[in-house]
Protein backbone atom coordinates (compact mmCIF):
# COMPACT_ATOMS: atom_id res chain seq x y z
CA MET A 1 18.41 5.06 -18.02
CA VAL A 2 19.59 4.90 -14.41
CA ARG A 3 16.74 3.75 -12.22
CA GLY A 4 15.57 4.67 -8.72
CA TYR A 5 16.64 7.42 -6.36
CA GLY A 6 18.48 10.34 -7.88
CA THR A 7 16.78 10.01 -11.27
CA TRP A 8 14.33 12.34 -12.98
CA ALA A 9 12.30 10.66 -15.69
CA GLN A 10 9.08 11.18 -17.61
CA THR A 11 8.80 7.43 -18.06
CA MET A 12 9.09 5.05 -15.18
CA LYS A 13 8.55 1.47 -14.11
CA ILE A 14 6.88 0.71 -10.78
CA LEU A 15 6.96 -2.70 -9.12
CA PHE A 16 3.45 -3.26 -7.74
CA ILE A 17 3.45 -5.95 -5.05
CA ASN A 18 0.34 -7.65 -3.70
CA PRO A 19 1.43 -9.17 -0.36
CA ASN A 20 -1.37 -11.76 -0.38
CA ILE A 21 -1.57 -14.86 -2.59
CA THR A 22 -4.81 -14.03 -4.45
CA SER A 23 -4.04 -13.23 -8.06
CA SER A 24 -7.54 -11.92 -8.76
CA ILE A 25 -7.01 -9.25 -6.11
CA THR A 26 -3.68 -8.38 -7.73
CA GLU A 27 -5.50 -7.91 -11.03
CA LEU A 28 -8.21 -5.76 -9.41
CA MET A 29 -5.69 -3.49 -7.70
CA ALA A 30 -3.44 -3.27 -10.74
CA ALA A 31 -6.37 -2.26 -12.95
CA GLU A 32 -7.19 0.61 -10.58
CA ALA A 33 -3.53 1.57 -10.38
CA ARG A 34 -3.32 1.80 -14.16
CA ARG A 35 -6.33 4.14 -14.22
CA SER A 36 -4.36 6.54 -12.03
CA ALA A 37 -0.95 6.14 -13.66
CA ALA A 38 0.46 8.78 -15.96
CA VAL A 39 1.19 8.10 -19.60
CA GLY A 40 4.64 6.53 -19.62
CA THR A 41 4.29 4.80 -16.26
CA GLU A 42 4.59 1.02 -16.50
CA LEU A 43 3.27 -1.09 -13.65
CA VAL A 44 4.74 -4.52 -12.96
CA PRO A 45 2.23 -6.46 -10.82
CA VAL A 46 3.57 -9.29 -8.65
CA THR A 47 1.59 -11.57 -6.33
CA ALA A 48 3.18 -12.97 -3.16
CA GLU A 49 4.55 -16.46 -3.64
CA PHE A 50 3.42 -17.55 -0.17
CA GLY A 51 1.12 -16.31 2.57
CA THR A 52 -2.62 -15.98 3.08
CA LEU A 53 -5.74 -15.36 1.00
CA TYR A 54 -5.73 -11.77 2.23
CA VAL A 55 -3.86 -9.99 5.01
CA GLU A 56 -6.02 -9.14 8.01
CA ASN A 57 -3.99 -9.29 11.25
CA ARG A 58 -0.52 -9.10 12.77
CA VAL A 59 0.35 -12.75 12.19
CA GLU A 60 -0.57 -12.58 8.52
CA ALA A 61 1.15 -9.21 8.16
CA THR A 62 4.41 -10.66 9.48
CA ILE A 63 4.22 -13.51 6.97
CA ALA A 64 3.38 -11.01 4.23
CA ALA A 65 6.36 -8.84 5.15
CA HIS A 66 8.70 -11.73 4.33
CA ALA A 67 6.87 -12.30 1.03
CA VAL A 68 7.24 -8.60 0.22
CA LEU A 69 11.01 -8.71 0.76
CA GLU A 70 11.26 -11.79 -1.45
CA ALA A 71 9.32 -10.00 -4.19
CA CYS A 72 11.46 -6.88 -3.85
CA ALA A 73 14.65 -8.90 -4.13
CA ALA A 74 13.44 -10.91 -7.12
CA HIS A 75 11.66 -8.26 -9.18
CA SER A 76 12.90 -4.74 -8.39
CA ASP A 77 15.88 -4.62 -10.76
CA GLY A 78 15.13 -2.15 -13.53
CA CYS A 79 12.33 -0.47 -11.59
CA ASP A 80 12.15 3.14 -10.44
CA ALA A 81 9.91 2.62 -7.40
CA VAL A 82 7.99 -0.02 -5.48
CA ILE A 83 4.41 0.03 -4.20
CA ILE A 84 3.35 -2.35 -1.43
CA SER A 85 -0.34 -2.79 -2.12
CA ALA A 86 -1.84 -4.07 1.10
CA PHE A 87 -3.46 -1.56 3.40
CA GLY A 88 -1.39 -1.89 6.56
CA ASP A 89 1.87 -1.78 4.59
CA PRO A 90 3.43 -5.13 5.60
CA GLY A 91 7.20 -5.03 5.25
CA LEU A 92 7.27 -1.37 4.24
CA TYR A 93 10.09 -0.12 6.44
CA ALA A 94 12.17 -3.23 5.79
CA ALA A 95 11.72 -2.80 2.04
CA LYS A 96 12.75 0.86 2.28
CA GLU A 97 15.89 -0.32 4.05
CA LEU A 98 16.58 -3.13 1.56
CA LEU A 99 16.35 -1.18 -1.70
CA ASP A 100 17.91 1.91 -3.22
CA LEU A 101 14.48 2.76 -4.62
CA PRO A 102 11.54 4.77 -3.27
CA VAL A 103 9.12 2.32 -1.63
CA ILE A 104 5.54 3.49 -0.99
CA GLY A 105 2.84 1.77 1.05
CA VAL A 106 -0.79 2.23 0.11
CA SER A 107 -1.84 3.15 3.65
CA GLU A 108 1.15 5.47 4.01
CA ALA A 109 0.06 7.22 0.81
CA ALA A 110 -3.58 7.36 1.87
CA PHE A 111 -2.79 8.85 5.28
CA LEU A 112 -0.49 11.49 3.78
CA THR A 113 -3.14 12.44 1.23
CA ALA A 114 -5.81 12.66 3.94
CA TYR A 115 -3.58 15.01 5.92
CA MET A 116 -3.49 17.40 2.96
CA LEU A 117 -7.23 17.31 2.28
CA GLY A 118 -8.70 17.94 5.74
CA ASN A 119 -8.21 18.15 9.48
CA ARG A 120 -10.30 15.10 10.43
CA TYR A 121 -10.07 11.82 8.57
CA ALA A 122 -11.71 8.44 9.06
CA ILE A 123 -10.96 4.93 7.81
CA VAL A 124 -13.72 2.64 6.58
CA CYS A 125 -12.79 -1.01 6.09
CA LEU A 126 -14.19 -4.53 5.90
CA THR A 127 -13.56 -6.29 9.24
CA PRO A 128 -12.87 -5.46 12.91
CA ARG A 129 -9.44 -7.11 12.66
CA LEU A 130 -8.56 -4.88 9.74
CA LYS A 131 -9.77 -1.84 11.67
CA THR A 132 -7.41 -2.65 14.55
CA TRP A 133 -4.46 -3.18 12.22
CA TYR A 134 -5.14 -0.03 10.20
CA VAL A 135 -5.32 2.16 13.30
CA GLU A 136 -2.05 0.66 14.51
CA THR A 137 -0.55 1.41 11.10
CA ALA A 138 -1.58 5.06 11.30
CA HIS A 139 0.13 5.28 14.70
CA ALA A 140 3.24 3.50 13.37
CA HIS A 141 3.53 6.04 10.56
CA GLY A 142 3.05 8.95 12.97
CA LEU A 143 -0.02 9.97 10.96
CA ASN A 144 -2.76 9.36 13.51
CA GLY A 145 -3.01 12.95 14.70
CA LYS A 146 -5.96 13.74 12.41
CA LEU A 147 -7.54 10.27 12.59
CA VAL A 148 -10.92 10.67 14.29
CA ALA A 149 -12.53 7.29 13.61
CA ALA A 150 -12.09 3.84 12.12
CA ARG A 151 -15.15 1.89 11.11
CA ALA A 152 -15.67 -1.69 9.97
CA ILE A 153 -18.81 -2.96 8.30
CA ALA A 154 -21.08 -5.21 10.31
CA GLY A 155 -21.20 -8.88 9.45
CA PRO A 156 -18.96 -11.40 7.67
CA VAL A 157 -17.13 -11.09 4.36
CA PRO A 158 -18.33 -14.19 2.45
CA ASP A 159 -16.04 -13.82 -0.57
CA ILE A 160 -13.12 -11.39 -0.34
CA THR A 161 -12.67 -11.43 -4.11
CA ARG A 162 -16.19 -9.98 -4.54
CA ALA A 163 -16.06 -7.57 -1.61
CA LYS A 164 -16.14 -4.42 -3.73
CA ASP A 165 -19.40 -5.41 -5.38
CA ASP A 166 -21.07 -7.40 -2.61
CA LEU A 167 -20.35 -4.96 0.23
CA ARG A 168 -20.63 -1.67 -1.65
CA ALA A 169 -23.82 -0.54 0.10
CA MET A 170 -22.45 -1.37 3.56
CA VAL A 171 -19.21 0.51 2.92
CA LEU A 172 -21.15 3.51 1.64
CA ALA A 173 -23.34 3.48 4.75
CA GLU A 174 -20.29 3.53 7.03
CA CYS A 175 -18.81 6.42 5.06
CA LEU A 176 -21.97 8.44 5.60
CA ARG A 177 -22.01 7.55 9.31
CA ALA A 178 -18.40 8.69 9.65
CA ILE A 179 -19.45 12.10 8.35
CA ALA A 180 -22.61 12.36 10.44
CA GLU A 181 -21.31 10.88 13.70
CA ASP A 182 -17.54 11.49 13.63
CA ASP A 183 -17.43 14.79 11.70
CA ALA A 184 -15.00 13.23 9.24
CA GLU A 185 -13.80 15.65 6.56
CA VAL A 186 -11.93 13.02 4.53
CA ILE A 187 -12.54 9.27 4.33
CA ILE A 188 -10.09 6.55 3.39
CA ILE A 189 -11.62 3.32 2.10
CA GLY A 190 -9.08 0.78 3.27
CA GLY A 191 -8.25 -2.55 1.71
CA GLY A 192 -6.92 -3.86 -1.58
CA PRO A 193 -10.06 -5.93 -2.35
CA VAL A 194 -12.09 -2.70 -2.50
CA ALA A 195 -9.66 -0.81 -4.75
CA GLY A 196 -11.66 1.49 -7.00
CA LEU A 197 -14.68 1.73 -4.73
CA ALA A 198 -13.78 5.24 -3.59
CA ARG A 199 -13.92 6.40 -7.18
CA GLU A 200 -17.17 4.57 -7.89
CA ILE A 201 -19.12 6.01 -4.92
CA SER A 202 -17.50 9.45 -4.78
CA ASP A 203 -20.63 11.19 -6.10
CA GLU A 204 -22.65 9.74 -3.20
CA VAL A 205 -20.37 11.00 -0.42
CA PRO A 206 -20.08 14.75 0.30
CA VAL A 207 -16.41 14.70 1.40
CA PRO A 208 -13.22 13.55 -0.37
CA LEU A 209 -12.76 9.77 -0.59
CA ILE A 210 -9.27 8.33 -0.85
CA ASP A 211 -8.23 5.08 -2.49
CA GLY A 212 -4.82 3.98 -1.21
CA VAL A 213 -3.84 2.32 -4.48
CA SER A 214 -4.44 5.47 -6.53
CA ALA A 215 -2.76 7.66 -3.92
CA ALA A 216 0.30 5.41 -3.88
CA VAL A 217 0.69 5.50 -7.66
CA LYS A 218 0.57 9.29 -7.82
CA LEU A 219 2.88 9.67 -4.82
CA ALA A 220 5.38 7.20 -6.29
CA GLU A 221 5.37 9.09 -9.57
CA ALA A 222 5.92 12.38 -7.75
CA ILE A 223 8.82 11.08 -5.67
CA VAL A 224 10.55 9.52 -8.68
CA GLY A 225 10.04 12.83 -10.50
CA LEU A 226 11.72 14.72 -7.66
CA GLY A 227 14.79 12.50 -7.96
CA PRO A 228 15.97 12.37 -4.32
CA ARG A 229 19.27 10.61 -3.68
CA PRO A 230 19.26 7.28 -1.80
CA PRO A 231 20.03 7.45 1.93
CA ARG A 232 23.61 6.77 2.94
CA LYS A 233 23.14 7.58 6.62
CA GLY A 234 20.33 6.96 9.07
CA SER A 235 18.02 4.02 9.67
CA PHE A 236 17.00 3.60 6.02
CA ALA A 237 20.56 3.36 4.70
CA ARG A 238 21.37 -0.10 3.33
CA PRO A 239 22.54 -2.42 6.13
CA ALA A 240 25.97 -3.98 5.99
CA TYR A 241 26.12 -7.45 4.44
CA LYS A 242 26.22 -10.42 6.79
CA PRO A 243 26.00 -14.22 6.56
CA ALA A 244 22.52 -15.71 6.31
CA LEU A 245 20.86 -19.10 5.85
CA GLY A 246 17.64 -20.41 4.33
CA LEU A 247 16.66 -17.43 2.19
CA SER A 248 15.76 -17.50 -1.50
CA PRO A 249 18.73 -16.92 -3.85
CA ALA A 250 17.53 -13.40 -4.74
CA LEU A 251 17.09 -12.30 -1.12
CA MET A 252 20.30 -14.07 -0.09
CA ARG A 253 22.23 -11.91 -2.55
CA ARG A 254 20.68 -8.76 -1.10
CA ILE A 255 21.48 -9.76 2.49
CA THR A 256 24.93 -11.33 2.08
CA GLY A 257 26.26 -9.54 -1.00
CA SER A 258 27.13 -12.88 -2.60
CA ASN A 259 26.69 -13.56 -6.31
């Protein structure tokens, strides 16, 4: 079966990239992604080969963007779509430009879903640095028009791998404050380490909660199902090959066209 843009398929394979180096977070996010995936959708989880424990700021996001491109180059053959599973979407636009496949970011998917579910959405996340980055990401995507608030929990995050369990009550409290104080009609719970929390606390929050991982899986499936052709003009068309130095063999082939 021909893969990627221009293909309609009931079965599909999605490359699922965690841009941080923490394999336990990859496993957590992939488990939630599989809960949302349709029968016949295969997820291929990949953890970044270099970078940081988790991605929280612009410096770490820039490092993660390189790791994302390396993962795309090494693992995307045979896949129908790619999901970049770090809220903040490091490397998203570059990956869209690199591959002839639909590439979806989890924050991109969450923002688009929020736009369809209400007129006022809020983001709840784990740290002030993440809050800053996530707001900037909404602006970068041109999807900040309905964003009315971004909230971070108070206090440190002692163990990012246990954030979903350890910080559940604090995240829930901020969700309820976003409704009471910001008139939020939809809430996005941002961050890969809390994947699945939106589903787990949905009965305790009186507005729709969005999990970026789940939204990205369903959006990727929908786009592959639509079968759009790959771009041949515009800023997301594949760049011309050019000489390069110091890249991995897989990424070097994508950039230079060499075998």
